[in-house]
């Protein structure tokens, strides 16, 4: 073995062999050589351990701390991409935003990251002309005639909810209910007409403020919750694990609104084999949507840029525990036949 490949135990003995009483009586040159030997042994030991675990060589260069001016420039650059900096200067991602630059990644990784991004604003293009979208895609105003149902207008979010999101939640504040408060909030697929309020068309779900009704792929609503208007905060939660949908009103959870989301999102694969039915088509993914119908109606959305009024994190933790318990139960039931058969064979033998 070469000196830099000595076993760890040998290096440990070399670095601790000299007693403290003997070292005090050594000449200065001997003490210096001993210190150099100890330092060299420790360096060899560290290098050996890094090679042993497949780590790259340690770098002696330490990055200089950022100045306040550099931190301000980095903060401005990150916020322009949708992220934020915490007090220590490190990056962190808020729910509903992805502040990661993809300019240096391969095309395949860029496509995958783009497919995994979640909605973060209302679309400025995928909307009716009578709606105005502003304030970074978070504010929507109705500017149409508002005379009858044909004047209804809706806008979808900038991207669909990816299947990998698992549980997705957003909130809408009613800034002004306008003349009649015909405001609907919910989700729909990409092929749903936007000249209709949410829930009136197939593959669309909407909770309406004027009558508190729930519209689920039908022009006929059913009683669901209280009416809502100016100052109220309406939330919408899509749980792709269970295929369910529910709404919240002013931080209070309302009853389940739908339990068939899997049949909507995965409907493209339902006619094929069971293995392919677990994949969603881009045209079947759900988008957050909001619709209005009378003048003066204004809403402001929160896709995770601000803290939510409803404690969605508690719901996520609860669902995570349920999924874990279900997974453990299925694992036990899957193994139990083999265990019983092995025990019976041993007893018969």
Protein backbone atom coordinates (compact mmCIF):
# COMPACT_ATOMS: atom_id res chain seq x y z
CA UNK A 1 0.00 0.00 0.00
CA UNK A 2 1.12 3.54 -0.73
CA UNK A 3 1.24 6.01 2.13
CA UNK A 4 -1.94 7.75 1.00
CA UNK A 5 -3.83 4.45 0.87
CA UNK A 6 -3.08 3.26 4.40
CA UNK A 7 -5.99 1.71 6.26
CA UNK A 8 -7.95 4.01 8.51
CA UNK A 9 -6.83 2.24 11.71
CA UNK A 10 -3.13 2.70 10.83
CA UNK A 11 -3.63 6.39 10.19
CA UNK A 12 -5.44 6.77 13.48
CA UNK A 13 -2.52 5.24 15.36
CA UNK A 14 -0.05 7.51 13.60
CA UNK A 15 -2.00 10.63 14.41
CA UNK A 16 -2.33 9.87 18.13
CA UNK A 17 0.86 8.00 18.98
CA UNK A 18 2.85 10.73 20.79
CA UNK A 19 1.89 11.25 24.47
CA UNK A 20 1.44 14.83 25.64
CA UNK A 21 4.25 14.59 28.27
CA UNK A 22 6.80 13.41 25.71
CA UNK A 23 5.84 16.04 23.19
CA UNK A 24 6.55 18.82 25.67
CA UNK A 25 10.19 17.69 26.00
CA UNK A 26 10.85 17.41 22.25
CA UNK A 27 12.99 20.07 20.54
CA UNK A 28 11.13 22.69 18.47
CA UNK A 29 12.24 21.08 15.18
CA UNK A 30 10.95 17.68 16.32
CA UNK A 31 7.67 19.24 17.45
CA UNK A 32 7.31 20.92 14.10
CA UNK A 33 7.97 17.70 12.18
CA UNK A 34 5.52 15.84 14.41
CA UNK A 35 2.82 18.45 13.75
CA UNK A 36 3.47 18.21 10.02
CA UNK A 37 3.27 14.42 10.22
CA UNK A 38 -0.06 14.57 12.08
CA UNK A 39 -1.47 17.10 9.62
CA UNK A 40 -0.31 15.05 6.65
CA UNK A 41 -1.78 11.87 8.14
CA UNK A 42 -5.13 13.53 8.67
CA UNK A 43 -5.14 14.82 5.10
CA UNK A 44 -4.32 11.33 3.79
CA UNK A 45 -7.03 9.85 5.96
CA UNK A 46 -9.63 12.32 4.68
CA UNK A 47 -8.58 11.72 1.07
CA UNK A 48 -8.76 7.95 1.56
CA UNK A 49 -12.25 8.15 3.02
CA UNK A 50 -13.50 10.38 0.17
CA UNK A 51 -12.12 7.96 -2.44
CA UNK A 52 -13.60 5.04 -0.55
CA UNK A 53 -17.11 6.54 -0.70
CA UNK A 54 -16.78 7.74 -4.29
CA UNK A 55 -16.69 11.44 -3.39
CA UNK A 56 -14.77 14.05 -5.39
CA UNK A 57 -11.58 15.55 -3.92
CA UNK A 58 -12.15 18.27 -1.38
CA UNK A 59 -11.74 21.80 -2.66
CA UNK A 60 -9.60 24.18 -0.71
CA UNK A 61 -11.32 27.22 -2.14
CA UNK A 62 -14.11 28.70 -0.01
CA UNK A 63 -16.62 30.98 -1.75
CA UNK A 64 -16.55 34.51 -0.50
CA UNK A 65 -19.67 35.65 1.33
CA UNK A 66 -22.12 37.65 -0.75
CA UNK A 67 -22.40 41.36 -0.16
CA UNK A 68 -25.79 42.92 0.47
CA UNK A 69 -25.73 44.37 -3.04
CA UNK A 70 -25.11 40.93 -4.56
CA UNK A 71 -27.91 39.43 -2.47
CA UNK A 72 -30.32 42.15 -3.65
CA UNK A 73 -29.40 41.43 -7.28
CA UNK A 74 -29.86 37.68 -6.75
CA UNK A 75 -33.21 38.28 -5.02
CA UNK A 76 -34.48 40.41 -7.90
CA UNK A 77 -33.35 37.82 -10.45
CA UNK A 78 -35.01 34.96 -8.56
CA UNK A 79 -38.27 36.82 -7.99
CA UNK A 80 -38.47 37.52 -11.70
CA UNK A 81 -38.54 33.71 -12.19
CA UNK A 82 -41.23 33.19 -9.55
CA UNK A 83 -39.15 32.27 -6.50
CA UNK A 84 -38.15 33.99 -3.30
CA UNK A 85 -35.18 34.26 -0.99
CA UNK A 86 -35.35 33.68 2.71
CA UNK A 87 -33.40 35.75 5.19
CA UNK A 88 -30.22 33.68 4.77
CA UNK A 89 -30.04 34.28 1.04
CA UNK A 90 -30.88 30.70 0.05
CA UNK A 91 -33.64 29.94 -2.43
CA UNK A 92 -36.93 28.36 -1.58
CA UNK A 93 -40.02 27.57 -3.62
CA UNK A 94 -43.51 28.62 -2.62
CA UNK A 95 -46.49 26.38 -3.36
CA UNK A 96 -47.69 26.93 -6.89
CA UNK A 97 -44.40 28.43 -8.11
CA UNK A 98 -41.28 26.96 -9.60
CA UNK A 99 -38.32 29.32 -9.49
CA UNK A 100 -35.80 27.04 -11.19
CA UNK A 101 -33.85 28.08 -14.27
CA UNK A 102 -33.81 25.44 -17.01
CA UNK A 103 -31.56 27.20 -19.53
CA UNK A 104 -28.61 24.84 -18.97
CA UNK A 105 -30.57 21.57 -18.86
CA UNK A 106 -30.98 19.02 -21.68
CA UNK A 107 -34.17 19.25 -23.75
CA UNK A 108 -35.61 16.08 -22.20
CA UNK A 109 -35.17 17.47 -18.69
CA UNK A 110 -36.69 20.80 -19.75
CA UNK A 111 -39.78 19.04 -21.09
CA UNK A 112 -40.12 16.97 -17.92
CA UNK A 113 -39.79 20.01 -15.65
CA UNK A 114 -42.26 21.97 -17.76
CA UNK A 115 -44.76 19.10 -17.55
CA UNK A 116 -44.39 19.05 -13.75
CA UNK A 117 -44.96 22.78 -13.24
CA UNK A 118 -48.18 23.74 -11.48
CA UNK A 119 -50.56 26.62 -12.30
CA UNK A 120 -49.35 29.97 -10.98
CA UNK A 121 -51.48 32.61 -12.77
CA UNK A 122 -54.52 33.15 -14.97
CA UNK A 123 -53.78 32.90 -18.67
CA UNK A 124 -53.76 36.13 -20.66
CA UNK A 125 -54.65 34.20 -23.83
CA UNK A 126 -56.87 31.27 -22.81
CA UNK A 127 -59.85 33.47 -21.88
CA UNK A 128 -62.86 35.33 -23.20
CA UNK A 129 -62.32 38.79 -24.61
CA UNK A 130 -64.68 40.37 -22.07
CA UNK A 131 -62.33 39.48 -19.22
CA UNK A 132 -59.32 41.59 -18.24
CA UNK A 133 -56.35 39.86 -16.59
CA UNK A 134 -53.71 41.85 -14.74
CA UNK A 135 -51.44 42.13 -11.67
CA UNK A 136 -49.20 39.29 -12.78
CA UNK A 137 -52.11 37.13 -13.85
CA UNK A 138 -53.79 37.12 -10.44
CA UNK A 139 -56.58 39.70 -10.91
CA UNK A 140 -59.55 39.23 -13.25
CA UNK A 141 -62.27 41.79 -14.07
CA UNK A 142 -65.45 41.38 -16.08
CA UNK A 143 -65.92 44.06 -18.76
CA UNK A 144 -68.80 42.67 -20.80
CA UNK A 145 -72.47 43.60 -21.20
CA UNK A 146 -73.80 41.15 -18.62
CA UNK A 147 -77.35 40.99 -19.96
CA UNK A 148 -77.97 37.24 -20.19
CA UNK A 149 -76.31 33.81 -20.03
CA UNK A 150 -74.70 34.32 -23.44
CA UNK A 151 -72.51 37.02 -21.86
CA UNK A 152 -70.83 34.58 -19.49
CA UNK A 153 -67.02 34.53 -19.69
CA UNK A 154 -64.33 32.35 -18.14
CA UNK A 155 -60.55 32.13 -17.98
CA UNK A 156 -58.31 29.12 -17.40
CA UNK A 157 -55.00 29.08 -15.56
CA UNK A 158 -51.70 29.29 -17.44
CA UNK A 159 -51.10 25.52 -17.23
CA UNK A 160 -52.91 22.36 -16.10
CA UNK A 161 -52.57 20.57 -12.79
CA UNK A 162 -50.01 17.79 -13.36
CA UNK A 163 -50.74 14.29 -12.13
CA UNK A 164 -47.54 14.36 -10.06
CA UNK A 165 -48.95 17.26 -8.01
CA UNK A 166 -51.05 14.79 -6.03
CA UNK A 167 -53.00 17.46 -4.13
CA UNK A 168 -53.40 20.93 -5.62
CA UNK A 169 -55.13 23.88 -3.96
CA UNK A 170 -55.78 27.52 -4.83
CA UNK A 171 -57.90 30.34 -3.37
CA UNK A 172 -59.89 33.19 -4.91
CA UNK A 173 -60.81 36.39 -3.09
CA UNK A 174 -63.97 38.14 -4.27
CA UNK A 175 -62.77 41.73 -4.52
CA UNK A 176 -66.15 42.93 -5.82
CA UNK A 177 -69.23 40.82 -6.51
CA UNK A 178 -70.44 43.36 -9.06
CA UNK A 179 -74.08 43.77 -10.04
CA UNK A 180 -75.39 40.24 -9.47
CA UNK A 181 -72.43 38.20 -8.19
CA UNK A 182 -72.60 35.58 -10.93
CA UNK A 183 -69.13 34.25 -10.17
CA UNK A 184 -68.17 30.59 -10.53
CA UNK A 185 -64.93 28.97 -9.34
CA UNK A 186 -63.69 25.48 -10.10
CA UNK A 187 -61.77 23.33 -12.57
CA UNK A 188 -62.23 22.14 -16.14
CA UNK A 189 -60.36 20.45 -18.98
CA UNK A 190 -58.80 22.24 -21.93
CA UNK A 191 -61.63 21.42 -24.36
CA UNK A 192 -64.38 23.11 -22.29
CA UNK A 193 -65.88 26.26 -23.86
CA UNK A 194 -64.99 29.47 -22.07
CA UNK A 195 -68.19 31.31 -22.99
CA UNK A 196 -69.88 29.40 -20.16
CA UNK A 197 -69.60 29.50 -16.39
CA UNK A 198 -67.64 26.70 -14.65
CA UNK A 199 -69.67 23.51 -14.28
CA UNK A 200 -72.13 24.16 -17.10
CA UNK A 201 -70.20 22.03 -19.60
CA UNK A 202 -69.03 18.40 -19.54
CA UNK A 203 -65.73 17.83 -17.71
CA UNK A 204 -66.21 21.04 -15.75
CA UNK A 205 -67.00 21.68 -12.06
CA UNK A 206 -67.97 24.98 -10.48
CA UNK A 207 -69.16 26.46 -7.18
CA UNK A 208 -71.33 29.55 -7.83
CA UNK A 209 -71.64 32.56 -5.57
CA UNK A 210 -75.08 33.89 -6.47
CA UNK A 211 -76.99 30.79 -5.31
CA UNK A 212 -74.37 28.59 -3.57
CA UNK A 213 -75.04 25.80 -6.05
CA UNK A 214 -72.61 23.22 -7.37
CA UNK A 215 -72.55 22.58 -11.10
CA UNK A 216 -70.88 19.33 -12.13
CA UNK A 217 -70.80 18.80 -15.89
CA UNK A 218 -74.41 19.95 -16.10
CA UNK A 219 -76.45 23.09 -16.58
CA UNK A 220 -78.57 22.06 -13.59
CA UNK A 221 -77.02 22.92 -10.24
CA UNK A 222 -77.55 21.25 -6.87
CA UNK A 223 -77.53 22.79 -3.41
CA UNK A 224 -73.98 22.75 -2.08
CA UNK A 225 -72.93 25.60 0.21
CA UNK A 226 -73.57 29.19 1.28
CA UNK A 227 -73.65 32.01 -1.22
CA UNK A 228 -70.51 34.16 -1.39
CA UNK A 229 -69.76 37.73 -2.36
CA UNK A 230 -67.48 40.70 -1.76
CA UNK A 231 -64.74 39.95 0.77
CA UNK A 232 -65.21 36.19 0.82
CA UNK A 233 -62.37 33.74 0.08
CA UNK A 234 -63.24 30.60 -1.87
CA UNK A 235 -60.78 27.71 -2.10
CA UNK A 236 -60.69 24.75 -4.46
CA UNK A 237 -58.81 21.52 -3.70
CA UNK A 238 -58.11 18.85 -6.31
CA UNK A 239 -56.99 15.54 -4.78
CA UNK A 240 -55.64 13.40 -7.62
CA UNK A 241 -54.72 10.59 -5.20
CA UNK A 242 -58.36 9.91 -4.34
CA UNK A 243 -59.92 11.50 -7.43
CA UNK A 244 -61.97 13.91 -5.33
CA UNK A 245 -62.72 17.63 -5.31
CA UNK A 246 -63.92 19.93 -2.55
CA UNK A 247 -64.28 23.66 -1.96
CA UNK A 248 -63.66 25.88 1.05
CA UNK A 249 -65.29 29.13 2.08
CA UNK A 250 -63.49 31.51 4.44
CA UNK A 251 -61.22 28.71 5.72
CA UNK A 252 -64.13 26.31 6.32
CA UNK A 253 -64.17 23.07 4.35
CA UNK A 254 -67.38 22.32 2.45
CA UNK A 255 -68.65 18.82 1.55
CA UNK A 256 -67.11 16.82 -1.25
CA UNK A 257 -68.03 18.20 -4.66
CA UNK A 258 -66.87 15.34 -6.88
CA UNK A 259 -65.45 11.84 -6.54
CA UNK A 260 -65.05 10.92 -10.21
CA UNK A 261 -62.01 12.98 -11.23
CA UNK A 262 -60.12 9.86 -12.24
CA UNK A 263 -62.76 9.09 -14.87
CA UNK A 264 -62.23 12.59 -16.28
CA UNK A 265 -58.45 12.86 -16.11
CA UNK A 266 -57.79 9.26 -17.20
CA UNK A 267 -60.67 8.87 -19.63
CA UNK A 268 -58.33 8.69 -22.65
CA UNK A 269 -56.77 5.49 -21.30
CA UNK A 270 -59.96 3.84 -20.05
CA UNK A 271 -60.63 2.12 -23.40
CA UNK A 272 -57.17 0.60 -23.66
CA UNK A 273 -55.25 -1.78 -21.47
CA UNK A 274 -55.21 -1.36 -17.72
CA UNK A 275 -51.53 -0.49 -17.75
CA UNK A 276 -52.01 2.51 -20.03
CA UNK A 277 -55.10 3.73 -18.18
CA UNK A 278 -52.91 5.16 -15.41
CA UNK A 279 -51.55 7.86 -17.70
CA UNK A 280 -53.37 11.13 -18.41
CA UNK A 281 -53.51 12.90 -21.74
CA UNK A 282 -52.64 16.63 -21.81
CA UNK A 283 -56.16 17.31 -23.11
CA UNK A 284 -57.75 15.64 -20.05
CA UNK A 285 -55.77 17.35 -17.32
CA UNK A 286 -57.69 19.80 -15.15
CA UNK A 287 -57.16 23.57 -15.11
CA UNK A 288 -58.22 26.03 -12.42
CA UNK A 289 -60.99 28.19 -13.90
CA UNK A 290 -63.07 31.21 -12.88
CA UNK A 291 -66.13 32.58 -14.65
CA UNK A 292 -68.17 35.82 -14.42
CA UNK A 293 -71.30 37.24 -16.00
CA UNK A 294 -72.23 40.74 -14.80
CA UNK A 295 -70.41 44.10 -14.80
CA UNK A 296 -68.24 45.09 -11.85
CA UNK A 297 -67.21 41.57 -10.85
CA UNK A 298 -63.55 41.41 -9.76
CA UNK A 299 -61.54 38.57 -8.21
CA UNK A 300 -57.94 38.08 -7.03
CA UNK A 301 -56.35 34.62 -7.00
CA UNK A 302 -53.73 33.08 -4.75
CA UNK A 303 -51.89 30.16 -6.36
CA UNK A 304 -49.46 29.84 -3.48
CA UNK A 305 -47.75 33.22 -3.67
CA UNK A 306 -49.28 34.10 -0.27
CA UNK A 307 -50.22 31.97 2.75
CA UNK A 308 -53.59 30.26 2.30
CA UNK A 309 -56.51 31.05 4.56
CA UNK A 310 -57.52 27.37 4.74
CA UNK A 311 -54.97 25.08 6.52
CA UNK A 312 -54.30 22.92 3.47
CA UNK A 313 -51.08 21.57 4.98
CA UNK A 314 -53.11 19.78 7.67
CA UNK A 315 -55.18 18.10 4.98
CA UNK A 316 -52.05 17.05 3.08
CA UNK A 317 -50.54 15.52 6.23
CA UNK A 318 -53.79 13.66 6.94
CA UNK A 319 -53.93 12.25 3.41
CA UNK A 320 -50.27 11.25 3.60
CA UNK A 321 -50.93 9.24 6.76
CA UNK A 322 -53.95 7.58 5.15
CA UNK A 323 -51.97 6.63 2.06
CA UNK A 324 -49.18 5.23 4.23
CA UNK A 325 -51.63 3.19 6.31
CA UNK A 326 -53.31 1.89 3.17
CA UNK A 327 -49.96 0.96 1.67
CA UNK A 328 -48.91 -0.89 4.82
CA UNK A 329 -52.24 -2.72 5.01
CA UNK A 330 -52.01 -3.84 1.37
CA UNK A 331 -48.43 -4.98 1.96
CA UNK A 332 -49.48 -7.10 4.93
CA UNK A 333 -52.43 -8.61 3.05
CA UNK A 334 -50.18 -9.36 0.11
CA UNK A 335 -47.65 -11.21 2.26
CA UNK A 336 -50.11 -13.05 4.52
CA UNK A 337 -50.91 -15.94 2.09
CA UNK A 338 -47.23 -16.85 1.74
CA UNK A 339 -46.75 -16.65 5.48
CA UNK A 340 -49.73 -18.87 6.14
CA UNK A 341 -48.67 -21.39 3.51
CA UNK A 342 -45.14 -21.53 4.89
CA UNK A 343 -46.42 -22.04 8.42
CA UNK A 344 -48.77 -24.83 7.31
CA UNK A 345 -45.98 -26.57 5.39
CA UNK A 346 -43.68 -26.40 8.39
CA UNK A 347 -46.33 -27.82 10.69
CA UNK A 348 -47.08 -30.67 8.31
CA UNK A 349 -43.42 -31.49 8.04
